[in-house]
PDB file of N, CA and C in Angstrom:
ATOM      1  N   MET A   1       0.475  -0.990  -0.313  1.00  0.00           N
ATOM      2  CA  MET A   1       0.216  -0.021   0.094  1.00  0.00           C
ATOM      3  C   MET A   1       1.174   1.104  -0.099  1.00  0.00           C
ATOM      4  N   LYS A   2       0.662   2.204  -0.867  1.00  0.00           N
ATOM      5  CA  LYS A   2       1.503   3.400  -1.115  1.00  0.00           C
ATOM      6  C   LYS A   2       0.564   4.416  -0.844  1.00  0.00           C
ATOM      7  N   ILE A   3       0.370   4.877   0.279  1.00  0.00           N
ATOM      8  CA  ILE A   3      -0.094   6.107   0.621  1.00  0.00           C
ATOM      9  C   ILE A   3       0.014   7.407   0.004  1.00  0.00           C
ATOM     10  N   GLY A   4       1.455   7.509  -0.097  1.00  0.00           N
ATOM     11  CA  GLY A   4       2.269   8.900  -0.317  1.00  0.00           C
ATOM     12  C   GLY A   4       1.861   9.077  -1.780  1.00  0.00           C
ATOM     13  N   GLN A   5       1.877   8.046  -2.985  1.00  0.00           N
ATOM     14  CA  GLN A   5       1.580   7.662  -4.386  1.00  0.00           C
ATOM     15  C   GLN A   5       0.256   8.215  -4.569  1.00  0.00           C
ATOM     16  N   SER A   6      -0.721   7.874  -3.486  1.00  0.00           N
ATOM     17  CA  SER A   6      -1.745   8.586  -4.060  1.00  0.00           C
ATOM     18  C   SER A   6      -2.203   9.768  -3.613  1.00  0.00           C
ATOM     19  N   ILE A   7      -1.714  10.430  -2.396  1.00  0.00           N
ATOM     20  CA  ILE A   7      -1.603  11.812  -2.054  1.00  0.00           C
ATOM     21  C   ILE A   7      -1.107  12.709  -3.094  1.00  0.00           C
ATOM     22  N   LYS A   8       0.280  12.096  -3.296  1.00  0.00           N
ATOM     23  CA  LYS A   8       0.994  12.632  -4.581  1.00  0.00           C
ATOM     24  C   LYS A   8      -0.335  13.186  -6.074  1.00  0.00           C
ATOM     25  N   TYR A   9      -0.807  12.022  -6.213  1.00  0.00           N
ATOM     26  CA  TYR A   9      -1.262  11.861  -7.210  1.00  0.00           C
ATOM     27  C   TYR A   9      -2.431  12.663  -7.270  1.00  0.00           C
ATOM     28  N   PHE A  10      -3.272  12.425  -6.199  1.00  0.00           N
ATOM     29  CA  PHE A  10      -4.385  13.597  -5.924  1.00  0.00           C
ATOM     30  C   PHE A  10      -3.891  15.047  -5.851  1.00  0.00           C
ATOM     31  N   ARG A  11      -3.089  15.234  -5.084  1.00  0.00           N
ATOM     32  CA  ARG A  11      -2.515  16.495  -5.086  1.00  0.00           C
ATOM     33  C   ARG A  11      -1.930  17.566  -6.275  1.00  0.00           C
ATOM     34  N   LYS A  12      -1.145  16.439  -7.461  1.00  0.00           N
ATOM     35  CA  LYS A  12      -0.516  16.675  -8.776  1.00  0.00           C
ATOM     36  C   LYS A  12      -1.702  16.819  -9.903  1.00  0.00           C
ATOM     37  N   GLU A  13      -2.658  15.917  -9.726  1.00  0.00           N
ATOM     38  CA  GLU A  13      -3.391  15.445 -10.899  1.00  0.00           C
ATOM     39  C   GLU A  13      -4.601  16.042 -10.751  1.00  0.00           C
ATOM     40  N   ILE A  14      -5.262  16.002  -9.284  1.00  0.00           N
ATOM     41  CA  ILE A  14      -6.629  16.474  -9.248  1.00  0.00           C
ATOM     42  C   ILE A  14      -6.546  17.735  -8.694  1.00  0.00           C
ATOM     43  N   SER A  15      -5.741  18.213  -7.938  1.00  0.00           N
ATOM     44  CA  SER A  15      -6.034  19.496  -7.129  1.00  0.00           C
ATOM     45  C   SER A  15      -5.009  20.721  -7.913  1.00  0.00           C
ATOM     46  N   GLN A  16      -4.412  20.101  -8.800  1.00  0.00           N
ATOM     47  CA  GLN A  16      -3.086  20.579  -9.553  1.00  0.00           C
ATOM     48  C   GLN A  16      -2.098  21.672  -8.506  1.00  0.00           C
ATOM     49  N   LYS A  17      -1.882  21.340  -7.252  1.00  0.00           N
ATOM     50  CA  LYS A  17      -0.770  22.164  -6.723  1.00  0.00           C
ATOM     51  C   LYS A  17       0.232  21.817  -6.733  1.00  0.00           C
ATOM     52  N   THR A  18       1.421  22.934  -6.167  1.00  0.00           N
ATOM     53  CA  THR A  18       2.665  22.229  -5.889  1.00  0.00           C
ATOM     54  C   THR A  18       2.730  21.630  -4.591  1.00  0.00           C
ATOM     55  N   GLN A  19       3.644  20.802  -4.361  1.00  0.00           N
ATOM     56  CA  GLN A  19       4.096  20.586  -2.936  1.00  0.00           C
ATOM     57  C   GLN A  19       3.722  21.915  -2.093  1.00  0.00           C
ATOM     58  N   LYS A  20       4.872  22.814  -2.271  1.00  0.00           N
ATOM     59  CA  LYS A  20       4.960  24.070  -1.859  1.00  0.00           C
ATOM     60  C   LYS A  20       3.751  24.595  -1.492  1.00  0.00           C
ATOM     61  N   ASP A  21       2.803  24.987  -2.593  1.00  0.00           N
ATOM     62  CA  ASP A  21       1.228  25.575  -2.086  1.00  0.00           C
ATOM     63  C   ASP A  21       0.807  24.845  -1.196  1.00  0.00           C
ATOM     64  N   PHE A  22       0.432  23.502  -1.593  1.00  0.00           N
ATOM     65  CA  PHE A  22      -0.173  22.599  -1.014  1.00  0.00           C
ATOM     66  C   PHE A  22       0.094  22.383   0.811  1.00  0.00           C
ATOM     67  N   CYS A  23       1.480  22.562   0.833  1.00  0.00           N
ATOM     68  CA  CYS A  23       1.944  22.282   2.177  1.00  0.00           C
ATOM     69  C   CYS A  23       1.548  23.411   3.064  1.00  0.00           C
ATOM     70  N   LYS A  24       1.575  25.038   2.672  1.00  0.00           N
ATOM     71  CA  LYS A  24       0.858  26.176   3.121  1.00  0.00           C
ATOM     72  C   LYS A  24      -0.006  26.188   3.323  1.00  0.00           C
ATOM     73  N   THR A  25      -1.010  25.603   2.386  1.00  0.00           N
ATOM     74  CA  THR A  25      -2.315  25.475   3.115  1.00  0.00           C
ATOM     75  C   THR A  25      -2.509  24.213   4.119  1.00  0.00           C
ATOM     76  N   MET A  26      -1.797  23.236   4.123  1.00  0.00           N
ATOM     77  CA  MET A  26      -1.724  22.289   5.073  1.00  0.00           C
ATOM     78  C   MET A  26      -0.927  22.663   6.686  1.00  0.00           C
ATOM     79  N   GLY A  27      -0.079  24.030   6.439  1.00  0.00           N
ATOM     80  CA  GLY A  27       0.259  23.994   7.512  1.00  0.00           C
ATOM     81  C   GLY A  27       1.438  22.600   8.234  1.00  0.00           C
ATOM     82  N   ILE A  28       2.035  22.354   7.086  1.00  0.00           N
ATOM     83  CA  ILE A  28       3.058  21.224   7.015  1.00  0.00           C
ATOM     84  C   ILE A  28       4.339  21.311   6.437  1.00  0.00           C
ATOM     85  N   SER A  29       5.519  21.288   6.714  1.00  0.00           N
ATOM     86  CA  SER A  29       6.604  21.136   5.888  1.00  0.00           C
ATOM     87  C   SER A  29       6.500  20.525   4.339  1.00  0.00           C
ATOM     88  N   GLN A  30       7.281  21.080   3.750  1.00  0.00           N
ATOM     89  CA  GLN A  30       7.634  20.191   2.305  1.00  0.00           C
ATOM     90  C   GLN A  30       8.368  19.257   2.195  1.00  0.00           C
ATOM     91  N   THR A  31       9.577  19.743   3.440  1.00  0.00           N
ATOM     92  CA  THR A  31      10.306  18.038   3.199  1.00  0.00           C
ATOM     93  C   THR A  31       9.566  17.065   3.901  1.00  0.00           C
ATOM     94  N   TYR A  32       8.468  17.381   4.852  1.00  0.00           N
ATOM     95  CA  TYR A  32       7.679  15.988   5.381  1.00  0.00           C
ATOM     96  C   TYR A  32       6.876  15.770   4.407  1.00  0.00           C
ATOM     97  N   LEU A  33       6.122  16.422   3.550  1.00  0.00           N
ATOM     98  CA  LEU A  33       5.499  16.012   2.494  1.00  0.00           C
ATOM     99  C   LEU A  33       5.872  14.979   1.444  1.00  0.00           C
ATOM    100  N   SER A  34       7.097  15.559   1.059  1.00  0.00           N
ATOM    101  CA  SER A  34       8.140  15.225   0.120  1.00  0.00           C
ATOM    102  C   SER A  34       8.447  13.684   0.550  1.00  0.00           C
ATOM    103  N   GLN A  35       8.885  13.547   1.983  1.00  0.00           N
ATOM    104  CA  GLN A  35       9.300  12.201   2.520  1.00  0.00           C
ATOM    105  C   GLN A  35       8.032  11.427   2.391  1.00  0.00           C
ATOM    106  N   VAL A  36       6.586  11.889   2.918  1.00  0.00           N
ATOM    107  CA  VAL A  36       5.549  11.222   2.889  1.00  0.00           C
ATOM    108  C   VAL A  36       5.144  10.758   1.487  1.00  0.00           C
ATOM    109  N   GLU A  37       5.062  11.676  -0.067  1.00  0.00           N
ATOM    110  CA  GLU A  37       4.879  11.166  -0.883  1.00  0.00           C
ATOM    111  C   GLU A  37       5.908  10.229  -1.402  1.00  0.00           C
ATOM    112  N   ALA A  38       6.925  10.091  -1.218  1.00  0.00           N
ATOM    113  CA  ALA A  38       8.281   9.215  -1.609  1.00  0.00           C
ATOM    114  C   ALA A  38       8.061   7.676  -1.077  1.00  0.00           C
ATOM    115  N   GLY A  39       7.236   7.743  -0.006  1.00  0.00           N
ATOM    116  CA  GLY A  39       7.291   6.403   0.750  1.00  0.00           C
ATOM    117  C   GLY A  39       8.117   6.428   2.314  1.00  0.00           C
ATOM    118  N   LYS A  40       8.797   7.412   2.587  1.00  0.00           N
ATOM    119  CA  LYS A  40       9.781   7.167   3.334  1.00  0.00           C
ATOM    120  C   LYS A  40       9.337   7.582   5.054  1.00  0.00           C
ATOM    121  N   LYS A  41       7.894   8.394   4.902  1.00  0.00           N
ATOM    122  CA  LYS A  41       7.407   8.490   5.946  1.00  0.00           C
ATOM    123  C   LYS A  41       5.886   8.266   5.879  1.00  0.00           C
ATOM    124  N   ASN A  42       5.452   7.696   6.935  1.00  0.00           N
ATOM    125  CA  ASN A  42       3.702   7.231   7.027  1.00  0.00           C
ATOM    126  C   ASN A  42       3.295   8.292   7.880  1.00  0.00           C
ATOM    127  N   PRO A  43       2.428   9.077   7.161  1.00  0.00           N
ATOM    128  CA  PRO A  43       1.389   9.966   7.904  1.00  0.00           C
ATOM    129  C   PRO A  43       0.569   9.438   9.000  1.00  0.00           C
ATOM    130  N   SER A  44       0.089  10.141   9.778  1.00  0.00           N
ATOM    131  CA  SER A  44      -0.540   9.618  10.951  1.00  0.00           C
ATOM    132  C   SER A  44      -2.265   9.536  10.065  1.00  0.00           C
ATOM    133  N   ASP A  45      -3.191   8.743  10.832  1.00  0.00           N
ATOM    134  CA  ASP A  45      -4.664   8.605  10.265  1.00  0.00           C
ATOM    135  C   ASP A  45      -5.032  10.135  10.164  1.00  0.00           C
ATOM    136  N   LYS A  46      -4.963  10.735  11.378  1.00  0.00           N
ATOM    137  CA  LYS A  46      -5.181  12.464  11.578  1.00  0.00           C
ATOM    138  C   LYS A  46      -4.845  13.054  10.498  1.00  0.00           C
ATOM    139  N   LEU A  47      -3.746  13.020  10.025  1.00  0.00           N
ATOM    140  CA  LEU A  47      -3.116  13.383   8.921  1.00  0.00           C
ATOM    141  C   LEU A  47      -3.684  13.121   7.707  1.00  0.00           C
ATOM    142  N   ILE A  48      -4.068  12.098   7.261  1.00  0.00           N
ATOM    143  CA  ILE A  48      -4.333  11.447   6.283  1.00  0.00           C
ATOM    144  C   ILE A  48      -5.866  12.139   6.083  1.00  0.00           C
ATOM    145  N   LYS A  49      -6.901  12.102   7.166  1.00  0.00           N
ATOM    146  CA  LYS A  49      -7.930  12.524   7.042  1.00  0.00           C
ATOM    147  C   LYS A  49      -7.927  14.154   6.938  1.00  0.00           C
ATOM    148  N   ARG A  50      -6.773  14.887   7.111  1.00  0.00           N
ATOM    149  CA  ARG A  50      -6.685  16.506   6.820  1.00  0.00           C
ATOM    150  C   ARG A  50      -6.616  16.411   5.258  1.00  0.00           C
ATOM    151  N   ILE A  51      -5.541  15.636   5.118  1.00  0.00           N
ATOM    152  CA  ILE A  51      -4.912  15.996   3.529  1.00  0.00           C
ATOM    153  C   ILE A  51      -6.085  15.592   2.625  1.00  0.00           C
ATOM    154  N   ALA A  52      -6.970  14.562   3.005  1.00  0.00           N
ATOM    155  CA  ALA A  52      -8.052  14.305   2.321  1.00  0.00           C
ATOM    156  C   ALA A  52      -9.211  15.351   2.206  1.00  0.00           C
ATOM    157  N   ASP A  53      -9.608  15.618   3.232  1.00  0.00           N
ATOM    158  CA  ASP A  53     -10.117  17.062   3.172  1.00  0.00           C
ATOM    159  C   ASP A  53     -10.182  17.850   2.561  1.00  0.00           C
ATOM    160  N   LYS A  54      -8.495  18.361   2.587  1.00  0.00           N
ATOM    161  CA  LYS A  54      -7.971  19.433   1.475  1.00  0.00           C
ATOM    162  C   LYS A  54      -7.713  19.488   0.436  1.00  0.00           C
ATOM    163  N   LEU A  55      -8.000  18.038  -0.332  1.00  0.00           N
ATOM    164  CA  LEU A  55      -8.165  17.760  -1.738  1.00  0.00           C
ATOM    165  C   LEU A  55      -9.497  17.256  -1.841  1.00  0.00           C
ATOM    166  N   ASN A  56     -10.423  17.338  -0.907  1.00  0.00           N
ATOM    167  CA  ASN A  56     -11.754  16.893  -1.392  1.00  0.00           C
ATOM    168  C   ASN A  56     -11.997  15.533  -1.877  1.00  0.00           C
ATOM    169  N   VAL A  57     -11.169  14.923  -1.104  1.00  0.00           N
ATOM    170  CA  VAL A  57     -11.465  13.162  -1.367  1.00  0.00           C
ATOM    171  C   VAL A  57     -11.925  12.295  -0.243  1.00  0.00           C
ATOM    172  N   PRO A  58     -12.797  11.583  -0.365  1.00  0.00           N
ATOM    173  CA  PRO A  58     -12.986  10.902   0.630  1.00  0.00           C
ATOM    174  C   PRO A  58     -11.814   9.879   1.069  1.00  0.00           C
ATOM    175  N   VAL A  59     -11.687   9.629   2.316  1.00  0.00           N
ATOM    176  CA  VAL A  59     -10.548   8.940   2.813  1.00  0.00           C
ATOM    177  C   VAL A  59     -10.626   7.523   2.356  1.00  0.00           C
ATOM    178  N   PRO A  60     -12.003   6.770   2.218  1.00  0.00           N
ATOM    179  CA  PRO A  60     -11.690   5.714   1.610  1.00  0.00           C
ATOM    180  C   PRO A  60     -11.344   5.799   0.238  1.00  0.00           C
ATOM    181  N   LEU A  61     -11.557   6.662  -1.065  1.00  0.00           N
ATOM    182  CA  LEU A  61     -11.046   6.418  -2.202  1.00  0.00           C
ATOM    183  C   LEU A  61      -9.236   6.678  -2.168  1.00  0.00           C
ATOM    184  N   LEU A  62      -9.343   7.759  -1.108  1.00  0.00           N
ATOM    185  CA  LEU A  62      -7.414   7.704  -1.019  1.00  0.00           C
ATOM    186  C   LEU A  62      -6.901   6.405  -0.859  1.00  0.00           C
ATOM    187  N   TYR A  63      -7.587   5.474   0.312  1.00  0.00           N
ATOM    188  CA  TYR A  63      -6.855   4.307   0.575  1.00  0.00           C
ATOM    189  C   TYR A  63      -7.312   3.258  -0.541  1.00  0.00           C
ATOM    190  N   LEU A  64      -8.188   3.119  -1.446  1.00  0.00           N
ATOM    191  CA  LEU A  64      -8.634   2.549  -2.375  1.00  0.00           C
ATOM    192  C   LEU A  64      -7.436   2.607  -3.625  1.00  0.00           C
ATOM    193  N   HIS A  65      -7.426   3.990  -3.770  1.00  0.00           N
ATOM    194  CA  HIS A  65      -6.286   4.410  -4.781  1.00  0.00           C
ATOM    195  C   HIS A  65      -4.883   3.609  -4.768  1.00  0.00           C
ATOM    196  N   CYS A  66      -4.642   3.711  -3.241  1.00  0.00           N
ATOM    197  CA  CYS A  66      -3.369   3.491  -3.259  1.00  0.00           C
ATOM    198  C   CYS A  66      -3.038   2.165  -3.010  1.00  0.00           C
ATOM    199  N   LEU A  67      -3.934   0.985  -3.040  1.00  0.00           N
ATOM    200  CA  LEU A  67      -4.128  -0.441  -2.962  1.00  0.00           C
ATOM    201  C   LEU A  67      -3.256  -0.829  -4.360  1.00  0.00           C
ATOM    202  N   GLU A  68      -2.328  -2.002  -3.640  1.00  0.00           N
ATOM    203  CA  GLU A  68      -1.654  -2.885  -4.668  1.00  0.00           C
ATOM    204  C   GLU A  68      -2.014  -4.019  -4.701  1.00  0.00           C
ATOM    205  N   GLU A  69      -1.853  -4.708  -6.204  1.00  0.00           N
ATOM    206  CA  GLU A  69      -2.274  -5.764  -6.101  1.00  0.00           C
ATOM    207  C   GLU A  69      -1.650  -7.015  -4.998  1.00  0.00           C
ATOM    208  N   LYS A  70      -0.530  -6.872  -4.200  1.00  0.00           N
ATOM    209  CA  LYS A  70      -0.168  -7.501  -3.296  1.00  0.00           C
ATOM    210  C   LYS A  70      -0.848  -7.300  -2.058  1.00  0.00           C
ATOM    211  N   ASP A  71      -1.611  -6.293  -1.950  1.00  0.00           N
ATOM    212  CA  ASP A  71      -2.187  -6.253  -0.552  1.00  0.00           C
ATOM    213  C   ASP A  71      -3.434  -6.911  -0.745  1.00  0.00           C
ATOM    214  N   VAL A  72      -4.056  -7.324  -2.114  1.00  0.00           N
ATOM    215  CA  VAL A  72      -5.236  -8.020  -2.142  1.00  0.00           C
ATOM    216  C   VAL A  72      -5.029  -9.646  -1.822  1.00  0.00           C
ATOM    217  N   LEU A  73      -5.731 -10.053  -1.216  1.00  0.00           N
ATOM    218  CA  LEU A  73      -5.600 -11.489  -1.164  1.00  0.00           C
ATOM    219  C   LEU A  73      -5.207 -12.277  -2.485  1.00  0.00           C
ATOM    220  N   GLU A  74      -4.770 -13.341  -2.572  1.00  0.00           N
ATOM    221  CA  GLU A  74      -4.378 -14.002  -3.770  1.00  0.00           C
ATOM    222  C   GLU A  74      -5.393 -14.512  -4.690  1.00  0.00           C
ATOM    223  N   HIS A  75      -6.239 -15.146  -3.881  1.00  0.00           N
ATOM    224  CA  HIS A  75      -7.751 -15.810  -4.410  1.00  0.00           C
ATOM    225  C   HIS A  75      -8.256 -14.408  -5.130  1.00  0.00           C
ATOM    226  N   LYS A  76      -8.371 -13.487  -4.605  1.00  0.00           N
ATOM    227  CA  LYS A  76      -9.275 -12.206  -5.218  1.00  0.00           C
ATOM    228  C   LYS A  76      -8.045 -11.251  -6.172  1.00  0.00           C
ATOM    229  N   ARG A  77      -7.401 -11.623  -6.331  1.00  0.00           N
ATOM    230  CA  ARG A  77      -6.680 -10.922  -7.238  1.00  0.00           C
ATOM    231  C   ARG A  77      -6.890 -10.771  -8.848  1.00  0.00           C
ATOM    232  N   PRO A  78      -7.663 -11.945  -9.144  1.00  0.00           N
ATOM    233  CA  PRO A  78      -8.155 -12.121 -10.678  1.00  0.00           C
ATOM    234  C   PRO A  78      -9.280 -10.718 -10.727  1.00  0.00           C
ATOM    235  N   ILE A  79     -10.123 -10.608  -9.654  1.00  0.00           N
ATOM    236  CA  ILE A  79     -11.281  -9.693  -9.498  1.00  0.00           C
ATOM    237  C   ILE A  79     -10.492  -8.199  -9.605  1.00  0.00           C
ATOM    238  N   TRP A  80      -9.346  -8.228  -8.590  1.00  0.00           N
ATOM    239  CA  TRP A  80      -8.515  -6.885  -8.353  1.00  0.00           C
ATOM    240  C   TRP A  80      -8.482  -6.245  -9.806  1.00  0.00           C
ATOM    241  N   LYS A  81      -7.564  -7.099 -10.779  1.00  0.00           N
ATOM    242  CA  LYS A  81      -7.371  -6.567 -11.743  1.00  0.00           C
ATOM    243  C   LYS A  81      -8.403  -6.550 -12.810  1.00  0.00           C
ATOM    244  N   LEU A  82      -9.707  -6.820 -12.736  1.00  0.00           N
ATOM    245  CA  LEU A  82     -10.619  -6.371 -13.107  1.00  0.00           C
ATOM    246  C   LEU A  82     -10.958  -4.744 -13.079  1.00  0.00           C
ATOM    247  N   VAL A  83     -10.955  -4.811 -11.685  1.00  0.00           N
ATOM    248  CA  VAL A  83     -11.622  -3.553 -10.700  1.00  0.00           C
ATOM    249  C   VAL A  83     -10.751  -2.461 -10.908  1.00  0.00           C
ATOM    250  N   VAL A  84      -9.284  -2.140 -10.819  1.00  0.00           N
ATOM    251  CA  VAL A  84      -8.543  -1.206 -10.904  1.00  0.00           C
ATOM    252  C   VAL A  84      -9.023  -0.061 -12.149  1.00  0.00           C
ATOM    253  N   PRO A  85      -8.833  -0.649 -13.555  1.00  0.00           N
ATOM    254  CA  PRO A  85      -9.379   0.062 -14.398  1.00  0.00           C
ATOM    255  C   PRO A  85     -10.591   0.871 -14.459  1.00  0.00           C
ATOM    256  N   VAL A  86     -11.278   0.054 -13.291  1.00  0.00           N
ATOM    257  CA  VAL A  86     -12.581   0.956 -13.494  1.00  0.00           C
ATOM    258  C   VAL A  86     -12.673   2.059 -12.260  1.00  0.00           C
ATOM    259  N   ILE A  87     -11.788   1.909 -11.204  1.00  0.00           N
ATOM    260  CA  ILE A  87     -11.603   2.505 -10.138  1.00  0.00           C
ATOM    261  C   ILE A  87     -10.725   3.954 -10.716  1.00  0.00           C
ATOM    262  N   ASP A  88      -9.919   3.561 -11.575  1.00  0.00           N
ATOM    263  CA  ASP A  88      -9.064   4.957 -11.952  1.00  0.00           C
ATOM    264  C   ASP A  88      -9.865   5.686 -13.183  1.00  0.00           C
ATOM    265  N   LYS A  89     -10.904   4.956 -13.765  1.00  0.00           N
ATOM    266  CA  LYS A  89     -11.669   5.917 -14.715  1.00  0.00           C
ATOM    267  C   LYS A  89     -12.426   6.272 -13.888  1.00  0.00           C
ATOM    268  N   PHE A  90     -13.145   6.053 -12.641  1.00  0.00           N
ATOM    269  CA  PHE A  90     -13.905   6.404 -11.807  1.00  0.00           C
ATOM    270  C   PHE A  90     -13.511   7.890 -11.336  1.00  0.00           C
ATOM    271  N   ILE A  91     -12.240   7.805 -10.628  1.00  0.00           N
ATOM    272  CA  ILE A  91     -11.228   8.897  -9.900  1.00  0.00           C
ATOM    273  C   ILE A  91     -11.383  10.233 -11.142  1.00  0.00           C
ATOM    274  N   LYS A  92     -10.994   9.479 -12.602  1.00  0.00           N
ATOM    275  CA  LYS A  92     -10.864  10.762 -13.825  1.00  0.00           C
ATOM    276  C   LYS A  92     -12.061  11.187 -13.965  1.00  0.00           C
ATOM    277  N   ILE A  93     -13.131  10.668 -13.710  1.00  0.00           N
ATOM    278  CA  ILE A  93     -14.252  11.035 -14.386  1.00  0.00           C
ATOM    279  C   ILE A  93     -14.874  12.162 -13.318  1.00  0.00           C
ATOM    280  N   LEU A  94     -14.791  11.662 -12.081  1.00  0.00           N
ATOM    281  CA  LEU A  94     -15.281  12.398 -10.671  1.00  0.00           C
ATOM    282  C   LEU A  94     -14.583  13.695 -10.362  1.00  0.00           C
ATOM    283  N   TYR A  95     -13.010  13.748 -10.718  1.00  0.00           N
ATOM    284  CA  TYR A  95     -12.239  14.936 -10.162  1.00  0.00           C
ATOM    285  C   TYR A  95     -11.839  15.647 -11.621  1.00  0.00           C
ATOM    286  N   THR A  96     -11.923  15.239 -12.680  1.00  0.00           N
ATOM    287  CA  THR A  96     -11.412  16.126 -13.744  1.00  0.00           C
ATOM    288  C   THR A  96     -12.851  16.529 -14.459  1.00  0.00           C
TER     289      THR A  96
END
C-alpha cells in the first residue's frame, strides 16, 4: 500500500497544486510531505484525514487508490485486476 503515491496523485493531478502551495495550506513542511509522497514517512491517520479533506477526496477513496495487487488476497487478485481500471476511470470522471 502506497498512501504517499496516492496523496501525490491527488495533489498533482486532481488539485493541481505544487508541494509548496499545498504545504502552505496544510501547515506542514514541504520536506515532510516530500518524504510522505516518496514513501519514506508514514503519515498519521489524522493527517491523512486532513489531507483528504483539503483535497476534497473521501478517505476511503484515497486508501482504495493506493492499494497494490500484493495488498489483495491472492484468490481475489483476478477480480482486483478487473476493478482497478474501473476505479481509475471513476476517479478521472469524478475529479477532472
